[in-house]
Amino acid sequence: MTETTEEETKSIREMCDAFGVTPRTLRFYEAKELLFPQRDGQKRLFTKRDGARLKLILRGKRFGFSLEEIRQLLDLYHIGDQQITQLSRTYEIACDRLDDMVRQRDELNEAIEELQDQLKWGEKVIASMKTEQKAAE
């Protein structure tokens, strides 16, 4: 008998506590067809599979993957090629994302340097104006 028991599922509150998300987040991911909790009346029951999927969703979001990319990657799990397609596609997207993150970091570092230079300039101008003001008194 392969019936799911209470012990093998988690309530929405247990999932929220385990993964640090809100009930609204879980319902949103369900609506986007990323999670597929079982239903017991109005109650959602999440399986270990849902927990594994949520872990991957949250990791993908942290790395900047879109929800659509995450959904497509999760759907590749069932192709039947021992996940080589899923892993290959994940690797491609991750490489692209890493390139984007490095470019963004470089742009941010450049902007930080420019702002630091402007602050140094402003500091000198303010000090010079204060010196001139004291001399005028």
C-alpha atoms as a PDB file:
ATOM      1  CA  MET A   1       0.000   0.000   0.000  1.00  0.00           C
ATOM      2  CA  THR A   2       1.531   3.343  -1.052  1.00  0.00           C
ATOM      3  CA  GLU A   3      -0.893   5.650   0.725  1.00  0.00           C
ATOM      4  CA  THR A   4       0.697   8.845   2.081  1.00  0.00           C
ATOM      5  CA  THR A   5       0.527   9.036   5.866  1.00  0.00           C
ATOM      6  CA  GLU A   6       0.328  12.108   8.080  1.00  0.00           C
ATOM      7  CA  GLU A   7       3.998  11.632   9.015  1.00  0.00           C
ATOM      8  CA  GLU A   8       5.119  11.942   5.389  1.00  0.00           C
ATOM      9  CA  THR A   9       3.405  15.283   4.823  1.00  0.00           C
ATOM     10  CA  LYS A  10       3.735  18.773   6.237  1.00  0.00           C
ATOM     11  CA  SER A  11       1.071  21.381   6.765  1.00  0.00           C
ATOM     12  CA  ILE A  12       1.414  24.810   5.220  1.00  0.00           C
ATOM     13  CA  ARG A  13       2.571  26.171   8.613  1.00  0.00           C
ATOM     14  CA  GLU A  14       5.228  23.453   8.943  1.00  0.00           C
ATOM     15  CA  MET A  15       6.490  24.216   5.432  1.00  0.00           C
ATOM     16  CA  CYS A  16       6.599  27.941   6.223  1.00  0.00           C
ATOM     17  CA  ASP A  17       8.573  27.292   9.403  1.00  0.00           C
ATOM     18  CA  ALA A  18      10.931  24.824   7.720  1.00  0.00           C
ATOM     19  CA  PHE A  19      11.766  27.071   4.750  1.00  0.00           C
ATOM     20  CA  GLY A  20      11.250  30.591   6.109  1.00  0.00           C
ATOM     21  CA  VAL A  21       8.500  31.505   3.657  1.00  0.00           C
ATOM     22  CA  THR A  22       4.953  32.793   4.072  1.00  0.00           C
ATOM     23  CA  PRO A  23       1.739  30.895   3.340  1.00  0.00           C
ATOM     24  CA  ARG A  24       1.112  33.384   0.557  1.00  0.00           C
ATOM     25  CA  THR A  25       4.439  32.399  -1.030  1.00  0.00           C
ATOM     26  CA  LEU A  26       3.487  28.708  -0.985  1.00  0.00           C
ATOM     27  CA  ARG A  27       0.068  29.440  -2.485  1.00  0.00           C
ATOM     28  CA  PHE A  28       1.723  31.621  -5.143  1.00  0.00           C
ATOM     29  CA  TYR A  29       4.140  28.830  -6.098  1.00  0.00           C
ATOM     30  CA  GLU A  30       1.216  26.423  -6.222  1.00  0.00           C
ATOM     31  CA  ALA A  31      -0.670  28.797  -8.537  1.00  0.00           C
ATOM     32  CA  LYS A  32       2.415  29.033 -10.761  1.00  0.00           C
ATOM     33  CA  GLU A  33       2.482  25.212 -10.944  1.00  0.00           C
ATOM     34  CA  LEU A  34       5.802  24.935  -9.140  1.00  0.00           C
ATOM     35  CA  LEU A  35       4.387  23.045  -6.139  1.00  0.00           C
ATOM     36  CA  PHE A  36       1.638  20.431  -6.086  1.00  0.00           C
ATOM     37  CA  PRO A  37       0.442  19.878  -2.521  1.00  0.00           C
ATOM     38  CA  GLN A  38      -2.152  17.227  -1.826  1.00  0.00           C
ATOM     39  CA  ARG A  39      -5.540  18.441  -0.643  1.00  0.00           C
ATOM     40  CA  ASP A  40      -7.530  17.270   2.349  1.00  0.00           C
ATOM     41  CA  GLY A  41     -10.592  19.487   2.098  1.00  0.00           C
ATOM     42  CA  GLN A  42      -9.197  23.041   2.380  1.00  0.00           C
ATOM     43  CA  LYS A  43      -5.941  21.800   3.930  1.00  0.00           C
ATOM     44  CA  ARG A  44      -2.787  21.644   1.849  1.00  0.00           C
ATOM     45  CA  LEU A  45      -0.464  18.734   2.607  1.00  0.00           C
ATOM     46  CA  PHE A  46       3.084  19.012   1.296  1.00  0.00           C
ATOM     47  CA  THR A  47       5.161  15.919   0.565  1.00  0.00           C
ATOM     48  CA  LYS A  48       8.922  15.458   0.706  1.00  0.00           C
ATOM     49  CA  ARG A  49       8.876  16.001  -3.068  1.00  0.00           C
ATOM     50  CA  ASP A  50       7.262  19.417  -2.524  1.00  0.00           C
ATOM     51  CA  GLY A  51       9.933  20.209   0.068  1.00  0.00           C
ATOM     52  CA  ALA A  52      12.688  19.277  -2.377  1.00  0.00           C
ATOM     53  CA  ARG A  53      11.075  21.356  -5.114  1.00  0.00           C
ATOM     54  CA  LEU A  54      10.680  24.336  -2.765  1.00  0.00           C
ATOM     55  CA  LYS A  55      14.343  24.104  -1.801  1.00  0.00           C
ATOM     56  CA  LEU A  56      15.288  24.237  -5.507  1.00  0.00           C
ATOM     57  CA  ILE A  57      12.842  27.095  -6.163  1.00  0.00           C
ATOM     58  CA  LEU A  58      14.314  29.176  -3.344  1.00  0.00           C
ATOM     59  CA  ARG A  59      17.860  28.437  -4.487  1.00  0.00           C
ATOM     60  CA  GLY A  60      16.960  29.379  -8.055  1.00  0.00           C
ATOM     61  CA  LYS A  61      15.381  32.637  -6.891  1.00  0.00           C
ATOM     62  CA  ARG A  62      18.460  33.429  -4.794  1.00  0.00           C
ATOM     63  CA  PHE A  63      20.607  33.037  -7.898  1.00  0.00           C
ATOM     64  CA  GLY A  64      18.290  35.233  -9.954  1.00  0.00           C
ATOM     65  CA  PHE A  65      16.540  32.592 -12.061  1.00  0.00           C
ATOM     66  CA  SER A  66      13.068  33.606 -13.209  1.00  0.00           C
ATOM     67  CA  LEU A  67      10.114  31.568 -11.979  1.00  0.00           C
ATOM     68  CA  GLU A  68       9.495  30.439 -15.541  1.00  0.00           C
ATOM     69  CA  GLU A  69      13.086  29.181 -15.843  1.00  0.00           C
ATOM     70  CA  ILE A  70      12.716  27.371 -12.528  1.00  0.00           C
ATOM     71  CA  ARG A  71       9.410  25.798 -13.622  1.00  0.00           C
ATOM     72  CA  GLN A  72      10.923  24.611 -16.897  1.00  0.00           C
ATOM     73  CA  LEU A  73      13.940  23.150 -15.108  1.00  0.00           C
ATOM     74  CA  LEU A  74      11.764  21.322 -12.592  1.00  0.00           C
ATOM     75  CA  ASP A  75       9.623  19.955 -15.425  1.00  0.00           C
ATOM     76  CA  LEU A  76      12.744  18.467 -17.063  1.00  0.00           C
ATOM     77  CA  TYR A  77      13.104  16.091 -14.090  1.00  0.00           C
ATOM     78  CA  HIS A  78      10.521  13.740 -15.619  1.00  0.00           C
ATOM     79  CA  ILE A  79      12.095  13.362 -19.071  1.00  0.00           C
ATOM     80  CA  GLY A  80      13.557   9.988 -18.154  1.00  0.00           C
ATOM     81  CA  ASP A  81      17.184  10.512 -19.148  1.00  0.00           C
ATOM     82  CA  GLN A  82      18.539  10.263 -15.596  1.00  0.00           C
ATOM     83  CA  GLN A  83      18.234  14.043 -15.284  1.00  0.00           C
ATOM     84  CA  ILE A  84      21.051  14.791 -17.756  1.00  0.00           C
ATOM     85  CA  THR A  85      18.815  17.221 -19.692  1.00  0.00           C
ATOM     86  CA  GLN A  86      17.740  18.922 -16.462  1.00  0.00           C
ATOM     87  CA  LEU A  87      21.295  19.216 -15.159  1.00  0.00           C
ATOM     88  CA  SER A  88      22.686  20.364 -18.516  1.00  0.00           C
ATOM     89  CA  ARG A  89      20.044  23.066 -18.904  1.00  0.00           C
ATOM     90  CA  THR A  90      20.499  24.158 -15.284  1.00  0.00           C
ATOM     91  CA  TYR A  91      24.240  24.423 -15.885  1.00  0.00           C
ATOM     92  CA  GLU A  92      23.697  26.586 -18.998  1.00  0.00           C
ATOM     93  CA  ILE A  93      21.315  28.947 -17.209  1.00  0.00           C
ATOM     94  CA  ALA A  94      23.609  29.128 -14.177  1.00  0.00           C
ATOM     95  CA  CYS A  95      26.598  30.044 -16.371  1.00  0.00           C
ATOM     96  CA  ASP A  96      24.586  32.818 -18.030  1.00  0.00           C
ATOM     97  CA  ARG A  97      23.382  34.038 -14.636  1.00  0.00           C
ATOM     98  CA  LEU A  98      26.930  34.053 -13.252  1.00  0.00           C
ATOM     99  CA  ASP A  99      28.099  36.138 -16.220  1.00  0.00           C
ATOM    100  CA  ASP A 100      25.268  38.611 -15.532  1.00  0.00           C
ATOM    101  CA  MET A 101      26.110  38.770 -11.809  1.00  0.00           C
ATOM    102  CA  VAL A 102      29.817  39.385 -12.487  1.00  0.00           C
ATOM    103  CA  ARG A 103      28.935  42.157 -14.972  1.00  0.00           C
ATOM    104  CA  GLN A 104      26.552  43.730 -12.433  1.00  0.00           C
ATOM    105  CA  ARG A 105      29.186  43.511  -9.701  1.00  0.00           C
ATOM    106  CA  ASP A 106      31.753  45.192 -11.947  1.00  0.00           C
ATOM    107  CA  GLU A 107      29.291  47.979 -12.786  1.00  0.00           C
ATOM    108  CA  LEU A 108      28.472  48.397  -9.103  1.00  0.00           C
ATOM    109  CA  ASN A 109      32.168  48.521  -8.144  1.00  0.00           C
ATOM    110  CA  GLU A 110      32.721  51.209 -10.779  1.00  0.00           C
ATOM    111  CA  ALA A 111      29.767  53.237  -9.495  1.00  0.00           C
ATOM    112  CA  ILE A 112      31.028  52.884  -5.906  1.00  0.00           C
ATOM    113  CA  GLU A 113      34.475  54.178  -6.919  1.00  0.00           C
ATOM    114  CA  GLU A 114      32.929  57.131  -8.746  1.00  0.00           C
ATOM    115  CA  LEU A 115      30.752  57.985  -5.750  1.00  0.00           C
ATOM    116  CA  GLN A 116      33.723  57.713  -3.390  1.00  0.00           C
ATOM    117  CA  ASP A 117      35.663  60.110  -5.632  1.00  0.00           C
ATOM    118  CA  GLN A 118      32.734  62.547  -5.644  1.00  0.00           C
ATOM    119  CA  LEU A 119      32.495  62.379  -1.845  1.00  0.00           C
ATOM    120  CA  LYS A 120      36.229  63.104  -1.505  1.00  0.00           C
ATOM    121  CA  TRP A 121      35.838  66.065  -3.854  1.00  0.00           C
ATOM    122  CA  GLY A 122      32.810  67.298  -1.881  1.00  0.00           C
ATOM    123  CA  GLU A 123      34.712  66.931   1.385  1.00  0.00           C
ATOM    124  CA  LYS A 124      37.553  69.084   0.023  1.00  0.00           C
ATOM    125  CA  VAL A 125      35.159  71.733  -1.292  1.00  0.00           C
ATOM    126  CA  ILE A 126      33.312  71.926   2.043  1.00  0.00           C
ATOM    127  CA  ALA A 127      36.586  72.142   3.988  1.00  0.00           C
ATOM    128  CA  SER A 128      37.849  74.862   1.635  1.00  0.00           C
ATOM    129  CA  MET A 129      34.612  76.855   1.989  1.00  0.00           C
ATOM    130  CA  LYS A 130      34.775  76.578   5.779  1.00  0.00           C
ATOM    131  CA  THR A 131      38.390  77.805   5.740  1.00  0.00           C
ATOM    132  CA  GLU A 132      37.454  80.770   3.544  1.00  0.00           C
ATOM    133  CA  GLN A 133      34.498  81.566   5.811  1.00  0.00           C
ATOM    134  CA  LYS A 134      36.717  81.567   8.916  1.00  0.00           C
ATOM    135  CA  ALA A 135      39.277  83.790   7.186  1.00  0.00           C
ATOM    136  CA  ALA A 136      36.522  86.247   6.271  1.00  0.00           C
ATOM    137  CA  GLU A 137      35.352  86.549   9.890  1.00  0.00           C
END
